[in-house]
Amino acid sequence: MSSHHIVREKQEPALLVLGIDNFEEELLGQLLEWSPTVITIPDTAEKLNSFGIKVDWIVSYGDEVIQQSDIKLIPAANDSLAVTALKFLTANSYPAVNIITDELALDDFLPYADKINLVIFNNRQKIYPVTSGFSKWKPAGEQIELLTLPNTLQYKGLQNTGQGLYKTTGDGFFSLQFEEPFLLIAEALN
């Protein structure tokens, strides 16, 4: 396979960086590998710039002084910076976004879980929405956390270990069945 790939705009998930204090550089490199559209907030933009990472858009409430002329501004009004960025991404038909955040504000992300394919990286966890019938292969003893709790839940390949916490019972697939349109689940980053 050739190492020369043509990446079309919006083919790869956009990268929304809301905070990067607790994020591993190696995983950041993997998320940047295919040159996604990078959107961030003013404080984090400085950190990304210090790593030599090109930022495409900054979401801001005010008239930020933008150091690089090729960075564009997404003005935020009454919404949080995260919601403003998600509105921008959905309005511009981005199919997917990876979000890195130091503070998990689920209320910002839940309304977009059925509008854009989102994966949230927070506190050494990978968080994403799943629909009923979801199944995934995991090794034995892996922890899965349900961040949104369903009214009824049927599961296979998991053992309930506490409020919203489950552990895989063996190497193999686990599955989830529920009535809600989706659930947010979290798994540990390895």
N, C-alpha and C. Protein backbone atom coordinates (compact mmCIF):
# COMPACT_ATOMS: atom_id res chain seq x y z
N MET A 1 0.85 -1.18 0.00
CA MET A 1 0.00 0.00 0.00
C MET A 1 0.89 1.24 0.00
N SER A 2 0.57 2.15 -0.83
CA SER A 2 1.35 3.37 -0.95
C SER A 2 1.14 4.27 0.26
N SER A 3 2.16 5.02 0.60
CA SER A 3 2.02 5.95 1.71
C SER A 3 1.48 7.29 1.23
N HIS A 4 1.20 7.40 -0.07
CA HIS A 4 0.66 8.64 -0.63
C HIS A 4 -0.85 8.48 -0.78
N HIS A 5 -1.58 9.11 0.09
CA HIS A 5 -3.04 9.03 0.06
C HIS A 5 -3.60 10.41 -0.22
N ILE A 6 -4.68 10.44 -0.94
CA ILE A 6 -5.39 11.69 -1.14
C ILE A 6 -6.51 11.71 -0.11
N VAL A 7 -6.47 12.69 0.78
CA VAL A 7 -7.49 12.81 1.80
C VAL A 7 -8.41 13.95 1.40
N ARG A 8 -9.65 13.62 1.17
CA ARG A 8 -10.62 14.66 0.83
C ARG A 8 -11.07 15.35 2.10
N GLU A 9 -11.38 16.63 1.96
CA GLU A 9 -11.86 17.40 3.10
C GLU A 9 -13.09 16.71 3.68
N LYS A 10 -13.16 16.65 4.99
CA LYS A 10 -14.27 16.05 5.76
C LYS A 10 -14.31 14.54 5.67
N GLN A 11 -13.32 13.90 5.01
CA GLN A 11 -13.29 12.44 4.93
C GLN A 11 -12.92 11.86 6.31
N GLU A 12 -12.00 12.52 6.98
CA GLU A 12 -11.60 12.10 8.31
C GLU A 12 -12.39 12.89 9.34
N PRO A 13 -12.58 12.34 10.55
CA PRO A 13 -13.28 13.12 11.58
C PRO A 13 -12.54 14.43 11.89
N ALA A 14 -13.32 15.48 12.09
CA ALA A 14 -12.73 16.74 12.57
C ALA A 14 -12.19 16.49 13.97
N LEU A 15 -11.31 17.36 14.44
CA LEU A 15 -10.76 17.24 15.79
C LEU A 15 -11.10 18.51 16.55
N LEU A 16 -11.93 18.38 17.59
CA LEU A 16 -12.31 19.49 18.45
C LEU A 16 -11.53 19.35 19.75
N VAL A 17 -10.62 20.29 20.01
CA VAL A 17 -9.77 20.21 21.20
C VAL A 17 -10.21 21.30 22.18
N LEU A 18 -10.91 20.87 23.24
CA LEU A 18 -11.42 21.80 24.26
C LEU A 18 -10.46 21.89 25.44
N GLY A 19 -9.63 20.89 25.61
CA GLY A 19 -8.64 20.86 26.68
C GLY A 19 -7.71 19.70 26.44
N ILE A 20 -6.43 19.90 26.72
CA ILE A 20 -5.45 18.88 26.36
C ILE A 20 -4.48 18.57 27.50
N ASP A 21 -4.82 19.04 28.71
CA ASP A 21 -3.89 18.89 29.84
C ASP A 21 -3.65 17.44 30.22
N ASN A 22 -4.65 16.56 30.07
CA ASN A 22 -4.52 15.17 30.51
C ASN A 22 -4.58 14.21 29.33
N PHE A 23 -3.95 14.58 28.22
CA PHE A 23 -4.06 13.76 27.02
C PHE A 23 -2.68 13.35 26.54
N GLU A 24 -2.56 12.07 26.16
CA GLU A 24 -1.25 11.55 25.74
C GLU A 24 -0.88 12.02 24.34
N GLU A 25 0.36 12.45 24.22
CA GLU A 25 0.87 12.98 22.96
C GLU A 25 0.79 11.94 21.83
N GLU A 26 1.03 10.68 22.15
CA GLU A 26 0.99 9.63 21.12
C GLU A 26 -0.41 9.49 20.52
N LEU A 27 -1.44 9.51 21.37
CA LEU A 27 -2.81 9.41 20.87
C LEU A 27 -3.19 10.66 20.08
N LEU A 28 -2.72 11.81 20.52
CA LEU A 28 -2.95 13.04 19.77
C LEU A 28 -2.36 12.92 18.36
N GLY A 29 -1.17 12.39 18.28
CA GLY A 29 -0.53 12.16 16.98
C GLY A 29 -1.35 11.25 16.09
N GLN A 30 -1.94 10.20 16.68
CA GLN A 30 -2.78 9.29 15.91
C GLN A 30 -4.03 10.01 15.38
N LEU A 31 -4.64 10.87 16.21
CA LEU A 31 -5.83 11.60 15.79
C LEU A 31 -5.51 12.63 14.71
N LEU A 32 -4.28 13.11 14.68
CA LEU A 32 -3.86 14.11 13.69
C LEU A 32 -3.28 13.50 12.42
N GLU A 33 -3.13 12.18 12.41
CA GLU A 33 -2.40 11.49 11.34
C GLU A 33 -2.91 11.83 9.94
N TRP A 34 -4.19 11.96 9.74
CA TRP A 34 -4.75 12.19 8.41
C TRP A 34 -5.15 13.65 8.20
N SER A 35 -4.54 14.55 8.94
CA SER A 35 -4.75 15.99 8.78
C SER A 35 -6.22 16.42 8.85
N PRO A 36 -6.87 16.17 9.99
CA PRO A 36 -8.26 16.58 10.13
C PRO A 36 -8.38 18.10 10.26
N THR A 37 -9.60 18.60 10.11
CA THR A 37 -9.88 19.99 10.44
C THR A 37 -9.74 20.10 11.96
N VAL A 38 -8.90 21.03 12.44
CA VAL A 38 -8.67 21.19 13.87
C VAL A 38 -9.37 22.46 14.35
N ILE A 39 -10.27 22.27 15.32
CA ILE A 39 -11.01 23.37 15.93
C ILE A 39 -10.66 23.37 17.40
N THR A 40 -10.43 24.56 17.97
CA THR A 40 -10.07 24.62 19.37
C THR A 40 -10.58 25.93 19.98
N ILE A 41 -10.22 26.13 21.24
CA ILE A 41 -10.57 27.35 21.97
C ILE A 41 -9.29 28.13 22.23
N PRO A 42 -9.39 29.43 22.54
CA PRO A 42 -8.18 30.27 22.64
C PRO A 42 -7.07 29.72 23.54
N ASP A 43 -7.38 29.31 24.77
CA ASP A 43 -6.34 28.83 25.68
C ASP A 43 -5.63 27.60 25.12
N THR A 44 -6.40 26.69 24.56
CA THR A 44 -5.83 25.46 24.03
C THR A 44 -5.09 25.70 22.72
N ALA A 45 -5.49 26.71 21.98
CA ALA A 45 -4.81 27.03 20.71
C ALA A 45 -3.34 27.32 20.95
N GLU A 46 -3.04 28.05 22.03
CA GLU A 46 -1.64 28.36 22.35
C GLU A 46 -0.85 27.09 22.63
N LYS A 47 -1.45 26.15 23.36
CA LYS A 47 -0.76 24.89 23.66
C LYS A 47 -0.53 24.09 22.38
N LEU A 48 -1.56 24.00 21.52
CA LEU A 48 -1.41 23.26 20.26
C LEU A 48 -0.33 23.91 19.40
N ASN A 49 -0.32 25.23 19.35
CA ASN A 49 0.69 25.96 18.58
C ASN A 49 2.10 25.65 19.09
N SER A 50 2.24 25.54 20.42
CA SER A 50 3.56 25.23 20.99
C SER A 50 4.03 23.82 20.62
N PHE A 51 3.07 22.92 20.30
CA PHE A 51 3.40 21.57 19.84
C PHE A 51 3.63 21.53 18.33
N GLY A 52 3.44 22.68 17.66
CA GLY A 52 3.59 22.73 16.21
C GLY A 52 2.39 22.19 15.46
N ILE A 53 1.22 22.18 16.10
CA ILE A 53 0.00 21.67 15.49
C ILE A 53 -0.76 22.83 14.85
N LYS A 54 -1.09 22.67 13.58
CA LYS A 54 -1.81 23.71 12.84
C LYS A 54 -3.29 23.69 13.24
N VAL A 55 -3.79 24.84 13.65
CA VAL A 55 -5.19 25.01 14.02
C VAL A 55 -5.91 25.66 12.84
N ASP A 56 -7.09 25.15 12.50
CA ASP A 56 -7.87 25.72 11.39
C ASP A 56 -8.88 26.76 11.88
N TRP A 57 -9.54 26.46 13.01
CA TRP A 57 -10.61 27.31 13.53
C TRP A 57 -10.46 27.50 15.03
N ILE A 58 -10.78 28.69 15.53
CA ILE A 58 -10.86 28.95 16.97
C ILE A 58 -12.28 29.38 17.29
N VAL A 59 -12.87 28.74 18.29
CA VAL A 59 -14.20 29.11 18.78
C VAL A 59 -14.00 30.04 19.95
N SER A 60 -14.64 31.22 19.90
CA SER A 60 -14.38 32.22 20.94
C SER A 60 -15.59 33.11 21.16
N TYR A 61 -15.69 33.64 22.39
CA TYR A 61 -16.75 34.60 22.72
C TYR A 61 -16.38 36.02 22.32
N GLY A 62 -15.10 36.29 22.26
CA GLY A 62 -14.68 37.67 22.01
C GLY A 62 -13.84 37.81 20.78
N ASP A 63 -13.29 38.99 20.63
CA ASP A 63 -12.39 39.27 19.52
C ASP A 63 -10.98 38.85 19.93
N GLU A 64 -10.69 37.58 19.72
CA GLU A 64 -9.38 37.05 20.08
C GLU A 64 -8.33 37.56 19.10
N VAL A 65 -7.17 37.78 19.60
CA VAL A 65 -6.05 38.12 18.73
C VAL A 65 -5.51 36.81 18.19
N ILE A 66 -5.64 36.62 16.90
CA ILE A 66 -5.19 35.38 16.28
C ILE A 66 -3.80 35.61 15.72
N GLN A 67 -2.86 34.79 16.20
CA GLN A 67 -1.46 34.96 15.82
C GLN A 67 -1.19 34.59 14.37
N GLN A 68 -1.90 33.59 13.88
CA GLN A 68 -1.64 33.11 12.52
C GLN A 68 -2.77 33.58 11.61
N SER A 69 -2.42 34.10 10.46
CA SER A 69 -3.42 34.69 9.56
C SER A 69 -4.34 33.65 8.93
N ASP A 70 -3.91 32.38 8.89
CA ASP A 70 -4.74 31.36 8.23
C ASP A 70 -5.74 30.70 9.19
N ILE A 71 -5.80 31.14 10.43
CA ILE A 71 -6.77 30.61 11.39
C ILE A 71 -8.05 31.44 11.29
N LYS A 72 -9.19 30.73 11.22
CA LYS A 72 -10.48 31.41 11.12
C LYS A 72 -11.18 31.37 12.48
N LEU A 73 -12.09 32.32 12.68
CA LEU A 73 -12.79 32.46 13.96
C LEU A 73 -14.24 32.00 13.82
N ILE A 74 -14.71 31.20 14.78
CA ILE A 74 -16.12 30.83 14.90
C ILE A 74 -16.64 31.58 16.13
N PRO A 75 -17.46 32.62 15.93
CA PRO A 75 -17.93 33.39 17.09
C PRO A 75 -19.01 32.64 17.86
N ALA A 76 -18.85 32.62 19.18
CA ALA A 76 -19.85 32.00 20.05
C ALA A 76 -20.71 33.12 20.62
N ALA A 77 -21.99 32.85 20.74
CA ALA A 77 -22.89 33.87 21.29
C ALA A 77 -23.42 33.39 22.64
N ASN A 78 -24.57 32.74 22.61
CA ASN A 78 -25.22 32.33 23.87
C ASN A 78 -24.92 30.89 24.26
N ASP A 79 -24.29 30.14 23.38
CA ASP A 79 -24.01 28.74 23.67
C ASP A 79 -22.60 28.58 24.24
N SER A 80 -22.35 27.39 24.79
CA SER A 80 -20.99 27.09 25.22
C SER A 80 -20.10 26.99 24.00
N LEU A 81 -18.80 27.03 24.19
CA LEU A 81 -17.86 26.92 23.08
C LEU A 81 -18.00 25.55 22.40
N ALA A 82 -18.24 24.50 23.19
CA ALA A 82 -18.41 23.16 22.63
C ALA A 82 -19.65 23.10 21.75
N VAL A 83 -20.78 23.63 22.23
CA VAL A 83 -22.02 23.61 21.46
C VAL A 83 -21.86 24.44 20.19
N THR A 84 -21.21 25.59 20.27
CA THR A 84 -20.97 26.42 19.09
C THR A 84 -20.17 25.64 18.05
N ALA A 85 -19.14 24.93 18.49
CA ALA A 85 -18.33 24.14 17.56
C ALA A 85 -19.14 23.01 16.94
N LEU A 86 -19.96 22.33 17.74
CA LEU A 86 -20.79 21.23 17.22
C LEU A 86 -21.85 21.75 16.25
N LYS A 87 -22.41 22.92 16.52
CA LYS A 87 -23.35 23.53 15.57
C LYS A 87 -22.65 23.83 14.25
N PHE A 88 -21.43 24.35 14.33
CA PHE A 88 -20.65 24.64 13.13
C PHE A 88 -20.38 23.37 12.33
N LEU A 89 -19.95 22.32 13.01
CA LEU A 89 -19.62 21.06 12.33
C LEU A 89 -20.84 20.44 11.66
N THR A 90 -21.98 20.42 12.37
CA THR A 90 -23.19 19.83 11.77
C THR A 90 -23.71 20.71 10.64
N ALA A 91 -23.67 22.02 10.79
CA ALA A 91 -24.14 22.93 9.73
C ALA A 91 -23.28 22.81 8.48
N ASN A 92 -22.02 22.44 8.64
CA ASN A 92 -21.10 22.30 7.52
C ASN A 92 -20.92 20.84 7.08
N SER A 93 -21.86 20.00 7.49
CA SER A 93 -21.95 18.59 7.04
C SER A 93 -20.72 17.74 7.34
N TYR A 94 -20.08 18.00 8.45
CA TYR A 94 -19.01 17.09 8.89
C TYR A 94 -19.69 15.82 9.40
N PRO A 95 -19.27 14.65 8.94
CA PRO A 95 -19.93 13.42 9.37
C PRO A 95 -19.47 12.93 10.75
N ALA A 96 -18.27 13.38 11.19
CA ALA A 96 -17.72 12.84 12.44
C ALA A 96 -16.77 13.84 13.08
N VAL A 97 -16.62 13.71 14.40
CA VAL A 97 -15.70 14.55 15.15
C VAL A 97 -15.12 13.76 16.32
N ASN A 98 -13.82 13.90 16.53
CA ASN A 98 -13.17 13.42 17.75
C ASN A 98 -13.03 14.64 18.65
N ILE A 99 -13.42 14.50 19.92
CA ILE A 99 -13.39 15.62 20.86
C ILE A 99 -12.44 15.27 22.00
N ILE A 100 -11.50 16.16 22.26
CA ILE A 100 -10.61 16.00 23.41
C ILE A 100 -11.00 17.07 24.41
N THR A 101 -11.30 16.65 25.65
CA THR A 101 -11.72 17.61 26.66
C THR A 101 -11.18 17.21 28.03
N ASP A 102 -10.86 18.22 28.83
CA ASP A 102 -10.42 17.97 30.21
C ASP A 102 -11.62 17.90 31.15
N GLU A 103 -12.71 18.57 30.78
CA GLU A 103 -13.92 18.58 31.61
C GLU A 103 -15.07 18.05 30.78
N LEU A 104 -15.69 16.98 31.27
CA LEU A 104 -16.76 16.33 30.52
C LEU A 104 -18.10 16.98 30.83
N ALA A 105 -18.64 17.71 29.87
CA ALA A 105 -19.96 18.34 29.99
C ALA A 105 -20.91 17.60 29.05
N LEU A 106 -21.46 16.47 29.53
CA LEU A 106 -22.30 15.63 28.69
C LEU A 106 -23.48 16.39 28.10
N ASP A 107 -24.03 17.34 28.84
CA ASP A 107 -25.18 18.10 28.34
C ASP A 107 -24.86 18.85 27.05
N ASP A 108 -23.60 19.20 26.84
CA ASP A 108 -23.20 19.86 25.60
C ASP A 108 -23.21 18.88 24.42
N PHE A 109 -22.89 17.62 24.68
CA PHE A 109 -22.69 16.64 23.62
C PHE A 109 -23.94 15.82 23.29
N LEU A 110 -24.78 15.54 24.29
CA LEU A 110 -25.94 14.66 24.09
C LEU A 110 -26.85 15.09 22.94
N PRO A 111 -27.18 16.38 22.77
CA PRO A 111 -28.07 16.75 21.67
C PRO A 111 -27.48 16.48 20.28
N TYR A 112 -26.19 16.22 20.19
CA TYR A 112 -25.53 16.02 18.90
C TYR A 112 -25.19 14.55 18.63
N ALA A 113 -25.49 13.68 19.59
CA ALA A 113 -25.11 12.27 19.45
C ALA A 113 -25.79 11.59 18.27
N ASP A 114 -26.95 12.10 17.84
CA ASP A 114 -27.62 11.50 16.69
C ASP A 114 -27.48 12.36 15.43
N LYS A 115 -26.68 13.44 15.51
CA LYS A 115 -26.51 14.33 14.36
C LYS A 115 -25.12 14.20 13.72
N ILE A 116 -24.15 13.78 14.51
CA ILE A 116 -22.77 13.65 14.03
C ILE A 116 -22.13 12.49 14.79
N ASN A 117 -21.31 11.73 14.11
CA ASN A 117 -20.61 10.62 14.76
C ASN A 117 -19.55 11.22 15.68
N LEU A 118 -19.75 11.12 16.99
CA LEU A 118 -18.78 11.74 17.90
C LEU A 118 -18.13 10.73 18.83
N VAL A 119 -16.85 10.97 19.05
CA VAL A 119 -16.06 10.21 20.01
C VAL A 119 -15.39 11.24 20.91
N ILE A 120 -15.58 11.06 22.23
CA ILE A 120 -15.06 12.02 23.20
C ILE A 120 -13.94 11.34 23.98
N PHE A 121 -12.82 12.02 24.09
CA PHE A 121 -11.70 11.53 24.89
C PHE A 121 -11.59 12.41 26.12
N ASN A 122 -11.78 11.79 27.30
CA ASN A 122 -11.75 12.52 28.56
C ASN A 122 -11.22 11.62 29.65
N ASN A 123 -10.24 12.13 30.40
CA ASN A 123 -9.76 11.44 31.60
C ASN A 123 -9.45 9.96 31.35
N ARG A 124 -8.65 9.70 30.33
CA ARG A 124 -8.21 8.34 29.98
C ARG A 124 -9.38 7.43 29.60
N GLN A 125 -10.47 8.05 29.12
CA GLN A 125 -11.61 7.28 28.65
C GLN A 125 -11.96 7.69 27.23
N LYS A 126 -12.48 6.72 26.49
CA LYS A 126 -13.04 6.96 25.16
C LYS A 126 -14.55 6.80 25.32
N ILE A 127 -15.30 7.84 24.98
CA ILE A 127 -16.74 7.89 25.20
C ILE A 127 -17.42 8.05 23.84
N TYR A 128 -18.48 7.25 23.62
CA TYR A 128 -19.18 7.36 22.34
C TYR A 128 -20.61 6.83 22.49
N PRO A 129 -21.52 7.32 21.61
CA PRO A 129 -22.89 6.83 21.66
C PRO A 129 -23.01 5.49 20.94
N VAL A 130 -23.89 4.64 21.44
CA VAL A 130 -24.19 3.36 20.80
C VAL A 130 -25.70 3.21 20.72
N THR A 131 -26.15 2.48 19.71
CA THR A 131 -27.57 2.20 19.57
C THR A 131 -27.84 0.78 20.07
N SER A 132 -29.11 0.49 20.33
CA SER A 132 -29.50 -0.83 20.81
C SER A 132 -29.05 -1.89 19.83
N GLY A 133 -28.55 -3.00 20.36
CA GLY A 133 -28.00 -4.06 19.53
C GLY A 133 -26.50 -3.95 19.36
N PHE A 134 -25.90 -2.93 19.97
CA PHE A 134 -24.46 -2.72 19.89
C PHE A 134 -23.72 -3.93 20.45
N SER A 135 -22.66 -4.35 19.77
CA SER A 135 -21.78 -5.39 20.31
C SER A 135 -20.35 -5.06 19.93
N LYS A 136 -19.44 -5.50 20.77
CA LYS A 136 -18.01 -5.22 20.54
C LYS A 136 -17.20 -6.32 21.22
N TRP A 137 -16.10 -6.68 20.57
CA TRP A 137 -15.19 -7.66 21.15
C TRP A 137 -14.25 -6.96 22.12
N LYS A 138 -14.09 -7.53 23.30
CA LYS A 138 -13.16 -7.01 24.31
C LYS A 138 -12.54 -8.20 25.04
N PRO A 139 -11.32 -8.01 25.55
CA PRO A 139 -10.73 -9.06 26.39
C PRO A 139 -11.45 -9.14 27.74
N ALA A 140 -11.25 -10.23 28.43
CA ALA A 140 -11.85 -10.43 29.75
C ALA A 140 -11.37 -9.37 30.74
N GLY A 141 -12.28 -8.96 31.63
CA GLY A 141 -11.92 -8.05 32.71
C GLY A 141 -11.89 -6.58 32.35
N GLU A 142 -12.30 -6.22 31.12
CA GLU A 142 -12.34 -4.81 30.72
C GLU A 142 -13.57 -4.14 31.31
N GLN A 143 -13.41 -2.89 31.74
CA GLN A 143 -14.54 -2.16 32.32
C GLN A 143 -15.25 -1.34 31.25
N ILE A 144 -16.57 -1.38 31.28
CA ILE A 144 -17.43 -0.57 30.42
C ILE A 144 -18.33 0.22 31.36
N GLU A 145 -18.44 1.52 31.11
CA GLU A 145 -19.30 2.37 31.94
C GLU A 145 -20.40 2.96 31.08
N LEU A 146 -21.64 2.87 31.55
CA LEU A 146 -22.76 3.51 30.89
C LEU A 146 -22.92 4.90 31.50
N LEU A 147 -22.71 5.93 30.70
CA LEU A 147 -22.80 7.30 31.21
C LEU A 147 -24.23 7.83 31.17
N THR A 148 -25.05 7.26 30.31
CA THR A 148 -26.48 7.54 30.32
C THR A 148 -27.16 6.21 30.61
N LEU A 149 -28.00 6.20 31.62
CA LEU A 149 -28.60 4.94 32.07
C LEU A 149 -29.97 4.73 31.42
N PRO A 150 -30.19 3.55 30.84
CA PRO A 150 -31.47 3.27 30.19
C PRO A 150 -32.53 2.85 31.21
N ASN A 151 -33.79 2.92 30.78
CA ASN A 151 -34.88 2.43 31.63
C ASN A 151 -34.80 0.92 31.79
N THR A 152 -34.57 0.23 30.69
CA THR A 152 -34.39 -1.22 30.73
C THR A 152 -33.13 -1.53 29.95
N LEU A 153 -32.41 -2.52 30.43
CA LEU A 153 -31.16 -2.91 29.77
C LEU A 153 -31.02 -4.41 29.81
N GLN A 154 -30.74 -4.98 28.65
CA GLN A 154 -30.36 -6.38 28.57
C GLN A 154 -28.93 -6.41 28.05
N TYR A 155 -28.10 -7.25 28.66
CA TYR A 155 -26.71 -7.30 28.24
C TYR A 155 -26.21 -8.73 28.29
N LYS A 156 -25.23 -9.01 27.45
CA LYS A 156 -24.58 -10.31 27.39
C LYS A 156 -23.08 -10.08 27.41
N GLY A 157 -22.36 -10.98 28.06
CA GLY A 157 -20.90 -10.89 28.10
C GLY A 157 -20.38 -9.90 29.11
N LEU A 158 -21.29 -9.37 29.95
CA LEU A 158 -20.91 -8.39 30.96
C LEU A 158 -21.43 -8.81 32.33
N GLN A 159 -20.74 -8.32 33.36
CA GLN A 159 -21.18 -8.50 34.74
C GLN A 159 -21.36 -7.12 35.34
N ASN A 160 -22.50 -6.88 35.96
CA ASN A 160 -22.77 -5.59 36.59
C ASN A 160 -21.91 -5.49 37.85
N THR A 161 -21.10 -4.43 37.95
CA THR A 161 -20.23 -4.26 39.12
C THR A 161 -20.57 -3.01 39.92
N GLY A 162 -21.65 -2.32 39.56
CA GLY A 162 -22.03 -1.12 40.28
C GLY A 162 -22.88 -0.23 39.41
N GLN A 163 -23.25 0.92 39.93
CA GLN A 163 -24.12 1.84 39.20
C GLN A 163 -23.53 2.25 37.84
N GLY A 164 -24.04 1.64 36.79
CA GLY A 164 -23.58 1.96 35.45
C GLY A 164 -22.25 1.33 35.07
N LEU A 165 -21.66 0.54 35.95
CA LEU A 165 -20.35 -0.07 35.70
C LEU A 165 -20.50 -1.56 35.40
N TYR A 166 -19.79 -2.02 34.38
CA TYR A 166 -19.84 -3.41 33.96
C TYR A 166 -18.44 -3.87 33.64
N LYS A 167 -18.23 -5.19 33.77
CA LYS A 167 -16.93 -5.77 33.45
C LYS A 167 -17.18 -6.94 32.50
N THR A 168 -16.31 -7.06 31.47
CA THR A 168 -16.47 -8.18 30.54
C THR A 168 -16.16 -9.48 31.26
N THR A 169 -17.00 -10.50 30.99
CA THR A 169 -16.88 -11.77 31.71
C THR A 169 -15.85 -12.71 31.08
N GLY A 170 -15.48 -12.47 29.85
CA GLY A 170 -14.49 -13.31 29.18
C GLY A 170 -14.07 -12.68 27.88
N ASP A 171 -13.04 -13.23 27.26
CA ASP A 171 -12.64 -12.75 25.93
C ASP A 171 -13.80 -13.00 24.98
N GLY A 172 -14.20 -11.98 24.25
CA GLY A 172 -15.30 -12.16 23.29
C GLY A 172 -16.17 -10.93 23.21
N PHE A 173 -17.30 -11.11 22.55
CA PHE A 173 -18.22 -10.00 22.33
C PHE A 173 -19.11 -9.77 23.55
N PHE A 174 -19.38 -8.50 23.83
CA PHE A 174 -20.45 -8.15 24.75
C PHE A 174 -21.50 -7.42 23.92
N SER A 175 -22.73 -7.42 24.38
CA SER A 175 -23.78 -6.74 23.63
C SER A 175 -24.74 -6.04 24.59
N LEU A 176 -25.39 -5.00 24.06
CA LEU A 176 -26.33 -4.19 24.83
C LEU A 176 -27.63 -4.03 24.04
N GLN A 177 -28.76 -4.21 24.74
CA GLN A 177 -30.09 -3.99 24.17
C GLN A 177 -30.83 -3.05 25.11
N PHE A 178 -31.48 -2.03 24.54
CA PHE A 178 -32.21 -1.05 25.36
C PHE A 178 -33.23 -0.34 24.49
N GLU A 179 -34.10 0.45 25.10
CA GLU A 179 -35.19 1.10 24.38
C GLU A 179 -34.84 2.51 23.88
N GLU A 180 -33.94 3.20 24.54
CA GLU A 180 -33.58 4.58 24.20
C GLU A 180 -32.95 4.64 22.80
N PRO A 181 -32.98 5.83 22.17
CA PRO A 181 -32.35 5.96 20.84
C PRO A 181 -30.85 5.64 20.87
N PHE A 182 -30.19 6.00 21.97
CA PHE A 182 -28.76 5.71 22.11
C PHE A 182 -28.38 5.80 23.59
N LEU A 183 -27.23 5.23 23.91
CA LEU A 183 -26.59 5.38 25.23
C LEU A 183 -25.17 5.87 24.98
N LEU A 184 -24.63 6.61 25.94
CA LEU A 184 -23.22 6.96 25.90
C LEU A 184 -22.48 5.95 26.77
N ILE A 185 -21.48 5.31 26.19
CA ILE A 185 -20.66 4.38 26.97
C ILE A 185 -19.22 4.88 26.99
N ALA A 186 -18.50 4.45 28.02
CA ALA A 186 -17.10 4.83 28.18
C ALA A 186 -16.28 3.57 28.37
N GLU A 187 -15.12 3.54 27.74
CA GLU A 187 -14.17 2.46 27.96
C GLU A 187 -12.81 3.07 28.21
N ALA A 188 -11.98 2.37 28.97
CA ALA A 188 -10.66 2.87 29.30
C ALA A 188 -9.77 2.87 28.06
N LEU A 189 -8.95 3.93 27.93
CA LEU A 189 -7.94 3.96 26.88
C LEU A 189 -6.78 3.09 27.34
N ASN A 190 -6.30 2.26 26.46
CA ASN A 190 -5.17 1.40 26.83
C ASN A 190 -3.87 2.02 26.42
